[in-house]
Amino acid sequence: MSLHVKMVWQIVTFIGIIFGFFRIVGACSICASLSPTLCDEMGAADFAVLAEYIGTPEVAPGIKDPEAYKSSFKIRKIFKGSDKISDGTPVRVLFFPSESARAGDHYLIHGNWIDSDDQTARVIRWTTPIAMSAKATDYLQRMWSLPKDEPQRLLEAMPYLESGDPMLRRDSFDEFGKAPYEVLEQLKPQLDKQTLIAKINNPQTEPNIRKLCYTLLTICGTQDELPFLKSKLKEEHQQADESLPAIIACYLSLAGAEGLPLIEQTFLLQGEADQERRAGAAITALRFHGQEASVIEREQIAQVFLRMLQKPTLGARILSDLARWEQWSAVDQVSAMFMNAEEDHLWVREPAIRYLLACPTESARNQIPKLEAIDALAVRNGRRFALPSKSKPILSNGEDQTSIASSMQRQPSSIKQGPEKLAQALNISDQKEQLWEQGFETQQTNRWRYGILLVISLLFMVLLGWLLIRKQPQSF
């Protein structure tokens, strides 16, 4: 492998890490997915070590060997892979030290087995080192030693939610975000609702932590907190803040079914300019309770969702839930939604057809050919992401389709959803759920995002090529 090719590979890898970082921290704090925790990344690697930074060489112009540019480290602690490496083993890594980096600093480094350049042996490729303070090292050692899905793990992480180290704040939050809901419930004896309320009211509290506090208040709160939550609902309704889904979920957990009319009237029936965002927050919270089906009966949530079909742009967002909960009484309304869609609202046709394809009733089956005659493309696109169906949907050639491939399958409601429940309570929805809810508009948005990333990547590659063809070699 030539020097230029190796340099390109290393720099492209570095760029990929940078893009990945900004994708994690640049998205909203509660978004499509949580970032892997430090322990997750260690578990996925073949090796994980704490290494002491020795130094980075100064390379004279004209040196072409990429190994000459690598920084030196010495292993001081092995978290994973002790059967292949030992304490004190030297490690050389392509590393771009910051101005504050000093010899003796400690870094977390992951390693993976790869084939050597000549394909004759297996070697360890070390990844970019992660700076670790003494406090971060102590945190990592504690978390690595604890089993998954144990409340003790969250108790260890809790003090770091307000750490001065951004990495520890983010990682401890992700530990909570990934924990099964039943594990969170075991924290109830250690939770103090007054402390949670104080953090919620503190303007310095990060949005991430504020949402988590609402979720924990769901576990330890009582109806005594309902006036407080009503005041927060009023504030957030006016501001349409990103904490709104968590507040609504918390309010309904404490108010029960008696709180449904307030949420429906305030967030789902109003015709305000920012209705879509407020309604989306309410849908997320109601979906959480519909999936959990413990505090409020699912049937009661379903009735609220059925009334939302009167507004097609909102109704289309909950058709996947109605289908998942086997609520098949809306066939006529959904068919009308498909037929009456026009202009900017044509996207509702795809979630509508998916609902009808999943419906096992004869009336739904009879609607498919009629709707296909109106918009064959929407029907075809709907089939691509169809939910599992107990019926045999009719294909365009009149034959039965015995199964519908689905990327949207969910567990039965009687099974606790684990991390998915917390994710929904905190307004985390996965990409496939967004496709269901937002249809064609979401797909178009994703295409724009990928296109922008592609253009930026190409610009980096052009700049990189220009640097590599310069006559004077550049030192790292």
Protein backbone atom coordinates (compact mmCIF):
# COMPACT_ATOMS: atom_id res chain seq x y z
CA MET A 1 0.00 0.00 0.00
CA SER A 2 1.50 3.35 -1.03
CA LEU A 3 2.14 6.23 1.34
CA HIS A 4 -0.52 8.38 -0.30
CA VAL A 5 -3.14 5.65 -0.07
CA LYS A 6 -2.37 5.09 3.60
CA MET A 7 -2.51 8.80 4.29
CA VAL A 8 -5.84 9.06 2.50
CA TRP A 9 -7.23 6.15 4.51
CA GLN A 10 -6.11 7.59 7.84
CA ILE A 11 -7.41 11.08 7.07
CA VAL A 12 -10.73 9.79 5.72
CA THR A 13 -11.10 7.69 8.88
CA PHE A 14 -10.42 10.79 10.95
CA ILE A 15 -12.97 12.78 8.95
CA GLY A 16 -15.50 9.98 9.48
CA ILE A 17 -14.96 10.18 13.23
CA ILE A 18 -15.49 13.93 13.13
CA PHE A 19 -18.70 13.55 11.11
CA GLY A 20 -19.92 10.87 13.48
CA PHE A 21 -19.24 13.09 16.47
CA PHE A 22 -21.16 16.03 15.05
CA ARG A 23 -24.00 13.73 14.08
CA ILE A 24 -24.29 12.68 17.71
CA VAL A 25 -23.91 16.02 19.42
CA GLY A 26 -25.37 18.13 16.65
CA ALA A 27 -28.73 16.44 16.68
CA CYS A 28 -31.20 17.39 19.34
CA SER A 29 -30.21 15.97 22.71
CA ILE A 30 -33.14 13.55 22.56
CA CYS A 31 -33.22 12.42 18.91
CA ALA A 32 -33.33 9.43 16.54
CA SER A 33 -30.94 7.37 18.53
CA LEU A 34 -28.67 7.45 21.58
CA SER A 35 -24.93 7.37 21.10
CA PRO A 36 -23.07 4.26 22.28
CA THR A 37 -21.72 4.51 25.80
CA LEU A 38 -18.04 4.13 26.58
CA CYS A 39 -18.74 0.62 27.80
CA ASP A 40 -20.69 -0.18 24.63
CA GLU A 41 -17.72 0.84 22.50
CA MET A 42 -15.35 -1.17 24.65
CA GLY A 43 -17.60 -4.20 24.41
CA ALA A 44 -17.66 -3.96 20.61
CA ALA A 45 -13.84 -3.77 20.30
CA ASP A 46 -11.36 -6.65 20.48
CA PHE A 47 -9.14 -4.65 22.82
CA ALA A 48 -9.68 -1.78 25.24
CA VAL A 49 -6.79 -0.26 27.18
CA LEU A 50 -5.87 2.76 29.24
CA ALA A 51 -2.57 4.00 27.86
CA GLU A 52 -0.09 6.68 28.91
CA TYR A 53 0.86 9.22 26.26
CA ILE A 54 4.62 9.30 25.67
CA GLY A 55 4.96 11.74 22.78
CA THR A 56 4.52 12.56 19.11
CA PRO A 57 7.60 12.64 16.89
CA GLU A 58 8.64 15.63 14.83
CA VAL A 59 9.07 14.29 11.31
CA ALA A 60 11.46 15.94 8.88
CA PRO A 61 10.23 16.78 5.37
CA GLY A 62 10.71 13.98 2.87
CA ILE A 63 9.95 11.09 5.23
CA LYS A 64 7.46 8.84 3.45
CA ASP A 65 7.01 6.05 5.97
CA PRO A 66 3.60 6.61 7.66
CA GLU A 67 4.84 4.75 10.74
CA ALA A 68 7.18 7.68 11.40
CA TYR A 69 4.22 9.95 12.10
CA LYS A 70 2.64 7.78 14.79
CA SER A 71 2.56 8.84 18.44
CA SER A 72 3.86 6.58 21.20
CA PHE A 73 1.80 5.27 24.11
CA LYS A 74 2.39 2.69 26.82
CA ILE A 75 -0.40 0.45 28.13
CA ARG A 76 -1.12 1.04 31.81
CA LYS A 77 -4.37 -0.89 32.28
CA ILE A 78 -6.11 -3.53 30.18
CA PHE A 79 -9.90 -3.57 30.23
CA LYS A 80 -10.28 -6.13 27.46
CA GLY A 81 -7.88 -8.44 25.62
CA SER A 82 -5.43 -9.27 28.43
CA ASP A 83 -4.78 -12.70 26.94
CA LYS A 84 -3.08 -11.10 23.92
CA ILE A 85 -1.39 -8.00 25.35
CA SER A 86 0.14 -7.04 28.69
CA ASP A 87 0.73 -4.02 30.90
CA GLY A 88 3.62 -1.91 29.72
CA THR A 89 3.27 -2.93 26.08
CA PRO A 90 4.15 0.00 23.79
CA VAL A 91 1.47 1.15 21.36
CA ARG A 92 1.93 3.42 18.36
CA VAL A 93 -1.13 5.27 17.02
CA LEU A 94 -1.73 7.98 14.42
CA PHE A 95 -2.75 10.74 16.81
CA PHE A 96 -3.32 14.47 16.55
CA PRO A 97 -2.57 15.79 20.05
CA SER A 98 -4.20 18.99 21.20
CA GLU A 99 -2.18 21.88 22.52
CA SER A 100 -3.03 20.82 26.06
CA ALA A 101 -1.76 17.25 25.58
CA ARG A 102 1.18 16.42 27.82
CA ALA A 103 3.39 13.39 28.26
CA GLY A 104 1.96 11.25 31.04
CA ASP A 105 -1.70 11.95 30.16
CA HIS A 106 -3.95 8.91 29.98
CA TYR A 107 -6.10 7.89 27.03
CA LEU A 108 -8.66 5.18 26.34
CA ILE A 109 -7.74 3.31 23.15
CA HIS A 110 -9.71 0.58 21.39
CA GLY A 111 -8.15 -1.99 19.10
CA ASN A 112 -9.39 -4.50 16.56
CA TRP A 113 -7.80 -7.38 14.70
CA ILE A 114 -7.22 -6.74 10.99
CA ASP A 115 -5.20 -8.42 8.26
CA SER A 116 -1.72 -7.05 7.67
CA ASP A 117 -0.91 -5.25 4.42
CA ASP A 118 0.62 -8.38 2.92
CA GLN A 119 -2.32 -10.54 4.13
CA THR A 120 0.06 -12.91 5.93
CA ALA A 121 -0.81 -12.16 9.54
CA ARG A 122 -3.30 -10.55 11.89
CA VAL A 123 -2.35 -7.26 13.49
CA ILE A 124 -4.03 -4.87 15.89
CA ARG A 125 -5.32 -1.59 14.49
CA TRP A 126 -5.66 0.96 17.27
CA THR A 127 -8.35 3.65 17.03
CA THR A 128 -8.14 7.33 17.88
CA PRO A 129 -7.28 7.78 21.60
CA ILE A 130 -9.86 9.36 23.91
CA ALA A 131 -8.51 11.67 26.61
CA MET A 132 -9.34 10.43 30.11
CA SER A 133 -9.08 12.49 33.28
CA ALA A 134 -8.61 10.76 36.64
CA LYS A 135 -12.32 11.20 37.30
CA ALA A 136 -13.26 9.76 33.91
CA THR A 137 -10.96 6.80 34.49
CA ASP A 138 -12.57 6.10 37.85
CA TYR A 139 -16.03 6.36 36.28
CA LEU A 140 -15.11 3.99 33.46
CA GLN A 141 -13.64 1.39 35.80
CA ARG A 142 -16.78 1.44 37.93
CA MET A 143 -19.16 1.17 34.99
CA TRP A 144 -17.14 -1.55 33.24
CA SER A 145 -17.25 -3.73 36.36
CA LEU A 146 -21.06 -3.60 36.71
CA PRO A 147 -23.48 -5.99 34.96
CA LYS A 148 -25.97 -4.67 32.44
CA ASP A 149 -29.60 -4.00 33.36
CA GLU A 150 -28.90 -3.57 37.07
CA PRO A 151 -30.15 -0.54 39.06
CA GLN A 152 -26.73 -0.24 40.72
CA ARG A 153 -25.34 0.75 37.32
CA LEU A 154 -27.65 3.78 37.19
CA LEU A 155 -26.92 4.70 40.79
CA GLU A 156 -23.23 4.83 39.90
CA ALA A 157 -23.96 6.95 36.81
CA MET A 158 -26.38 9.37 38.51
CA PRO A 159 -23.82 11.72 40.15
CA TYR A 160 -22.12 12.21 36.76
CA LEU A 161 -25.25 13.65 35.14
CA GLU A 162 -24.06 17.06 36.32
CA SER A 163 -20.34 16.46 35.93
CA GLY A 164 -18.13 19.26 34.70
CA ASP A 165 -16.80 16.87 32.04
CA PRO A 166 -19.15 16.97 28.99
CA MET A 167 -18.12 13.44 28.01
CA LEU A 168 -19.18 12.06 31.40
CA ARG A 169 -22.47 13.98 31.34
CA ARG A 170 -23.31 12.58 27.93
CA ASP A 171 -22.22 9.05 28.77
CA SER A 172 -24.08 8.87 32.08
CA PHE A 173 -27.22 10.17 30.37
CA ASP A 174 -26.89 7.50 27.69
CA GLU A 175 -26.66 4.87 30.42
CA PHE A 176 -30.09 6.00 31.63
CA GLY A 177 -31.44 6.22 28.10
CA LYS A 178 -30.48 2.64 27.34
CA ALA A 179 -31.72 1.16 30.61
CA PRO A 180 -34.89 -0.98 30.50
CA TYR A 181 -37.83 0.82 32.02
CA GLU A 182 -38.31 -1.86 34.66
CA VAL A 183 -34.76 -1.15 35.86
CA LEU A 184 -35.56 2.55 36.13
CA GLU A 185 -38.58 1.68 38.25
CA GLN A 186 -36.30 -0.06 40.73
CA LEU A 187 -34.69 3.30 41.44
CA LYS A 188 -37.86 4.57 43.12
CA PRO A 189 -36.57 4.20 46.73
CA GLN A 190 -33.51 6.30 45.86
CA LEU A 191 -35.38 9.06 44.01
CA ASP A 192 -36.32 12.34 45.68
CA LYS A 193 -39.09 14.15 43.85
CA GLN A 194 -38.23 17.51 45.40
CA THR A 195 -34.69 17.24 44.07
CA LEU A 196 -36.04 16.37 40.63
CA ILE A 197 -38.44 19.33 40.68
CA ALA A 198 -35.60 21.65 41.72
CA LYS A 199 -33.52 20.47 38.77
CA ILE A 200 -36.46 20.94 36.42
CA ASN A 201 -36.94 24.50 37.63
CA ASN A 202 -33.24 25.34 37.44
CA PRO A 203 -32.68 27.27 34.18
CA GLN A 204 -29.09 25.98 34.11
CA THR A 205 -30.24 22.36 33.78
CA GLU A 206 -29.51 20.95 30.33
CA PRO A 207 -32.54 19.92 28.22
CA ASN A 208 -31.33 16.31 28.29
CA ILE A 209 -31.28 16.19 32.06
CA ARG A 210 -34.56 18.07 32.40
CA LYS A 211 -36.35 15.47 30.28
CA LEU A 212 -34.78 12.67 32.28
CA CYS A 213 -35.97 14.34 35.49
CA TYR A 214 -39.53 14.34 34.17
CA THR A 215 -39.25 10.65 33.40
CA LEU A 216 -37.89 9.88 36.86
CA LEU A 217 -40.66 12.01 38.37
CA THR A 218 -43.06 9.70 36.54
CA ILE A 219 -41.70 6.90 38.73
CA CYS A 220 -41.59 8.60 42.12
CA GLY A 221 -44.21 11.37 41.79
CA THR A 222 -47.77 11.43 43.11
CA GLN A 223 -50.91 13.37 42.30
CA ASP A 224 -49.60 16.09 44.61
CA GLU A 225 -47.33 17.10 41.70
CA LEU A 226 -50.22 17.57 39.25
CA PRO A 227 -50.57 21.34 39.86
CA PHE A 228 -46.85 21.74 39.22
CA LEU A 229 -47.09 19.72 36.01
CA LYS A 230 -50.16 21.65 34.83
CA SER A 231 -48.23 24.89 35.24
CA LYS A 232 -45.36 23.42 33.21
CA LEU A 233 -47.77 22.26 30.53
CA LYS A 234 -49.08 25.79 30.25
CA GLU A 235 -45.57 27.24 30.01
CA GLU A 236 -44.38 24.71 27.44
CA HIS A 237 -47.59 24.99 25.42
CA GLN A 238 -46.85 28.66 24.92
CA GLN A 239 -43.18 28.08 24.12
CA ALA A 240 -43.51 24.69 22.37
CA ASP A 241 -40.31 23.65 24.14
CA GLU A 242 -38.59 20.36 23.38
CA SER A 243 -39.35 19.12 26.90
CA LEU A 244 -43.05 18.99 26.09
CA PRO A 245 -43.31 15.23 25.28
CA ALA A 246 -41.69 14.33 28.59
CA ILE A 247 -43.96 16.70 30.52
CA ILE A 248 -47.10 15.28 28.93
CA ALA A 249 -45.96 11.69 29.54
CA CYS A 250 -45.23 12.53 33.18
CA TYR A 251 -48.56 14.32 33.64
CA LEU A 252 -50.55 11.41 32.23
CA SER A 253 -48.60 8.92 34.38
CA LEU A 254 -49.73 10.74 37.51
CA ALA A 255 -53.20 11.87 36.38
CA GLY A 256 -54.17 8.64 34.62
CA ALA A 257 -57.10 8.53 32.21
CA GLU A 258 -58.62 11.60 33.88
CA GLY A 259 -55.82 13.65 32.34
CA LEU A 260 -56.66 12.67 28.76
CA PRO A 261 -59.30 15.36 28.09
CA LEU A 262 -56.89 18.16 29.05
CA ILE A 263 -54.17 16.84 26.73
CA GLU A 264 -56.58 16.22 23.87
CA GLN A 265 -58.22 19.62 24.14
CA THR A 266 -54.97 21.55 24.62
CA PHE A 267 -52.68 19.85 22.13
CA LEU A 268 -54.74 17.90 19.60
CA LEU A 269 -57.90 19.88 18.90
CA GLN A 270 -56.50 23.40 18.74
CA GLY A 271 -55.92 24.98 15.34
CA GLU A 272 -52.86 27.05 16.22
CA ALA A 273 -50.02 27.88 13.87
CA ASP A 274 -47.60 25.61 15.71
CA GLN A 275 -50.14 22.84 16.17
CA GLU A 276 -48.13 20.15 14.39
CA ARG A 277 -45.23 20.39 16.81
CA ARG A 278 -47.43 20.48 19.91
CA ALA A 279 -49.55 17.64 18.62
CA GLY A 280 -46.42 15.63 17.85
CA ALA A 281 -45.36 15.97 21.48
CA ALA A 282 -48.76 14.73 22.65
CA ILE A 283 -48.68 11.81 20.20
CA THR A 284 -45.28 10.73 21.50
CA ALA A 285 -46.48 10.80 25.10
CA LEU A 286 -49.75 9.01 24.29
CA ARG A 287 -47.90 6.37 22.30
CA PHE A 288 -45.69 5.72 25.33
CA HIS A 289 -48.74 5.06 27.47
CA GLY A 290 -50.43 3.04 24.75
CA GLN A 291 -47.42 0.76 24.45
CA GLU A 292 -47.02 0.41 28.21
CA ALA A 293 -50.79 -0.05 28.78
CA SER A 294 -50.45 0.04 32.56
CA VAL A 295 -51.46 3.46 33.85
CA ILE A 296 -54.03 4.14 31.13
CA GLU A 297 -55.87 1.43 29.24
CA ARG A 298 -54.75 1.16 25.66
CA GLU A 299 -58.34 1.28 24.45
CA GLN A 300 -58.70 4.76 25.92
CA ILE A 301 -55.57 5.93 24.12
CA ALA A 302 -56.85 4.35 20.91
CA GLN A 303 -60.11 6.30 21.15
CA VAL A 304 -58.14 9.56 21.33
CA PHE A 305 -56.13 8.49 18.29
CA LEU A 306 -59.28 7.59 16.35
CA ARG A 307 -60.67 11.07 16.92
CA MET A 308 -57.43 12.48 15.49
CA LEU A 309 -58.36 11.04 12.08
CA GLN A 310 -60.58 14.07 11.62
CA LYS A 311 -57.34 15.95 10.91
CA PRO A 312 -55.56 13.91 8.21
CA THR A 313 -52.07 15.35 8.73
CA LEU A 314 -52.22 14.33 12.40
CA GLY A 315 -54.22 11.15 11.83
CA ALA A 316 -51.68 9.82 9.35
CA ARG A 317 -49.05 9.92 12.09
CA ILE A 318 -50.89 7.49 14.37
CA LEU A 319 -52.15 4.96 11.81
CA SER A 320 -49.20 2.69 12.55
CA ASP A 321 -50.23 2.62 16.21
CA LEU A 322 -53.85 1.85 15.40
CA ALA A 323 -52.72 -1.00 13.16
CA ARG A 324 -50.29 -2.31 15.76
CA TRP A 325 -53.06 -2.26 18.35
CA GLU A 326 -55.47 -3.92 15.89
CA GLN A 327 -57.93 -1.04 15.87
CA TRP A 328 -59.71 -1.74 12.56
CA SER A 329 -62.83 0.40 12.93
CA ALA A 330 -61.39 3.27 10.87
CA VAL A 331 -61.35 1.66 7.40
CA ASP A 332 -63.86 4.11 5.91
CA GLN A 333 -62.17 7.15 7.44
CA VAL A 334 -58.74 6.05 6.28
CA SER A 335 -60.01 5.35 2.76
CA ALA A 336 -61.54 8.83 2.66
CA MET A 337 -58.24 10.27 3.91
CA PHE A 338 -56.50 8.66 0.93
CA MET A 339 -59.05 9.84 -1.63
CA ASN A 340 -59.33 13.40 -0.33
CA ALA A 341 -55.59 14.05 0.01
CA GLU A 342 -54.33 16.79 -2.29
CA GLU A 343 -51.38 19.05 -2.99
CA ASP A 344 -49.02 19.27 0.00
CA HIS A 345 -50.87 16.52 1.86
CA LEU A 346 -50.51 13.75 -0.71
CA TRP A 347 -47.95 12.08 1.58
CA VAL A 348 -50.77 10.89 3.88
CA ARG A 349 -51.73 8.33 1.24
CA GLU A 350 -48.82 6.03 2.03
CA PRO A 351 -49.51 5.58 5.76
CA ALA A 352 -53.19 5.25 4.88
CA ILE A 353 -52.58 2.41 2.44
CA ARG A 354 -50.28 0.67 4.91
CA TYR A 355 -53.04 0.67 7.49
CA LEU A 356 -55.47 -0.82 4.98
CA LEU A 357 -52.95 -3.44 3.84
CA ALA A 358 -52.49 -4.56 7.43
CA CYS A 359 -56.21 -4.68 8.16
CA PRO A 360 -57.58 -8.27 8.03
CA THR A 361 -61.18 -7.24 7.20
CA GLU A 362 -62.89 -7.77 3.86
CA SER A 363 -63.93 -4.12 3.67
CA ALA A 364 -60.27 -3.04 3.78
CA ARG A 365 -59.33 -5.55 1.07
CA ASN A 366 -62.06 -4.21 -1.16
CA GLN A 367 -60.71 -0.68 -0.87
CA ILE A 368 -57.24 -1.48 -2.25
CA PRO A 369 -58.12 -1.78 -5.98
CA LYS A 370 -60.20 1.42 -5.82
CA LEU A 371 -57.38 3.39 -4.24
CA GLU A 372 -54.80 1.87 -6.58
CA ALA A 373 -56.79 3.24 -9.51
CA ILE A 374 -56.48 6.73 -7.96
CA ASP A 375 -52.77 6.62 -7.10
CA ALA A 376 -50.93 3.44 -8.04
CA LEU A 377 -47.55 4.89 -7.00
CA ALA A 378 -48.70 5.59 -3.44
CA VAL A 379 -50.06 2.05 -3.14
CA ARG A 380 -46.84 0.58 -4.46
CA ASN A 381 -44.74 2.68 -2.07
CA GLY A 382 -47.06 1.76 0.78
CA ARG A 383 -46.45 -1.92 0.19
CA ARG A 384 -42.71 -1.42 0.55
CA PHE A 385 -43.04 -0.62 4.26
CA ALA A 386 -46.26 -2.47 5.05
CA LEU A 387 -46.98 -3.77 8.52
CA PRO A 388 -47.45 -7.51 9.09
CA SER A 389 -50.96 -8.48 8.13
CA LYS A 390 -53.29 -11.28 9.15
CA SER A 391 -54.99 -10.97 5.81
CA LYS A 392 -53.66 -11.59 2.31
CA PRO A 393 -53.46 -8.17 0.65
CA ILE A 394 -54.37 -8.04 -3.02
CA LEU A 395 -51.57 -7.32 -5.45
CA SER A 396 -52.04 -5.21 -8.54
CA ASN A 397 -52.38 -8.32 -10.69
CA GLY A 398 -55.17 -9.65 -8.51
CA GLU A 399 -53.13 -12.39 -6.80
CA ASP A 400 -52.85 -12.79 -3.03
CA GLN A 401 -49.67 -11.74 -1.29
CA THR A 402 -49.08 -14.28 1.45
CA SER A 403 -46.75 -12.11 3.49
CA ILE A 404 -45.79 -8.45 3.72
CA ALA A 405 -42.17 -7.70 4.50
CA SER A 406 -41.97 -5.40 7.46
CA SER A 407 -39.27 -3.29 9.00
CA MET A 408 -41.74 -1.96 11.55
CA GLN A 409 -42.46 -5.04 13.66
CA ARG A 410 -42.95 -4.45 17.37
CA GLN A 411 -43.24 -6.75 20.36
CA PRO A 412 -46.68 -7.54 21.81
CA SER A 413 -47.94 -4.97 24.26
CA SER A 414 -47.90 -7.49 27.08
CA ILE A 415 -44.11 -7.60 26.89
CA LYS A 416 -42.35 -4.65 28.50
CA GLN A 417 -40.54 -2.63 25.90
CA GLY A 418 -37.37 -1.86 27.86
CA PRO A 419 -35.31 0.95 26.35
CA GLU A 420 -37.98 1.64 23.74
CA LYS A 421 -40.37 2.84 26.42
CA LEU A 422 -37.93 5.32 27.91
CA ALA A 423 -36.99 6.43 24.43
CA GLN A 424 -40.59 7.21 23.59
CA ALA A 425 -41.15 8.93 26.94
CA LEU A 426 -38.24 11.21 26.17
CA ASN A 427 -39.31 11.86 22.59
CA ILE A 428 -36.89 9.42 20.98
CA SER A 429 -38.36 7.87 17.84
CA ASP A 430 -36.43 5.64 15.49
CA GLN A 431 -36.02 6.41 11.80
CA LYS A 432 -38.50 3.78 10.65
CA GLU A 433 -41.19 5.18 12.94
CA GLN A 434 -40.56 8.59 11.38
CA LEU A 435 -41.10 7.12 7.93
CA TRP A 436 -44.44 5.78 9.11
CA GLU A 437 -45.49 9.06 10.69
CA GLN A 438 -44.22 11.56 8.19
CA GLY A 439 -44.32 9.56 4.99
CA PHE A 440 -42.95 11.07 1.83
CA GLU A 441 -41.89 14.34 3.47
CA THR A 442 -39.53 12.54 5.82
CA GLN A 443 -37.99 10.54 2.99
CA GLN A 444 -37.34 13.75 1.04
CA THR A 445 -35.75 15.39 4.09
CA ASN A 446 -33.43 12.43 4.59
CA ARG A 447 -32.37 12.59 0.95
CA TRP A 448 -31.41 16.26 1.38
CA ARG A 449 -29.40 15.44 4.50
CA TYR A 450 -27.50 12.64 2.82
CA GLY A 451 -26.92 14.83 -0.21
CA ILE A 452 -25.41 17.61 1.89
CA LEU A 453 -23.13 15.15 3.69
CA LEU A 454 -22.05 13.71 0.34
CA VAL A 455 -21.20 17.17 -1.05
CA ILE A 456 -19.19 18.05 2.05
CA SER A 457 -17.34 14.72 1.87
CA LEU A 458 -16.49 15.32 -1.78
CA LEU A 459 -15.15 18.78 -0.96
CA PHE A 460 -12.92 17.24 1.71
CA MET A 461 -11.65 14.68 -0.79
CA VAL A 462 -10.86 17.39 -3.38
CA LEU A 463 -8.94 19.38 -0.76
CA LEU A 464 -7.16 16.23 0.36
CA GLY A 465 -6.14 15.39 -3.20
CA TRP A 466 -4.76 18.89 -3.66
CA LEU A 467 -2.67 18.54 -0.51
CA LEU A 468 -1.30 15.16 -1.54
CA ILE A 469 -0.09 16.25 -4.96
CA ARG A 470 1.93 19.12 -3.61
CA LYS A 471 5.60 18.59 -4.17
CA GLN A 472 6.65 19.38 -0.62
CA PRO A 473 5.56 16.58 1.79
CA GLN A 474 3.65 17.88 4.79
CA SER A 475 4.34 16.76 8.36
CA PHE A 476 1.51 15.72 10.62
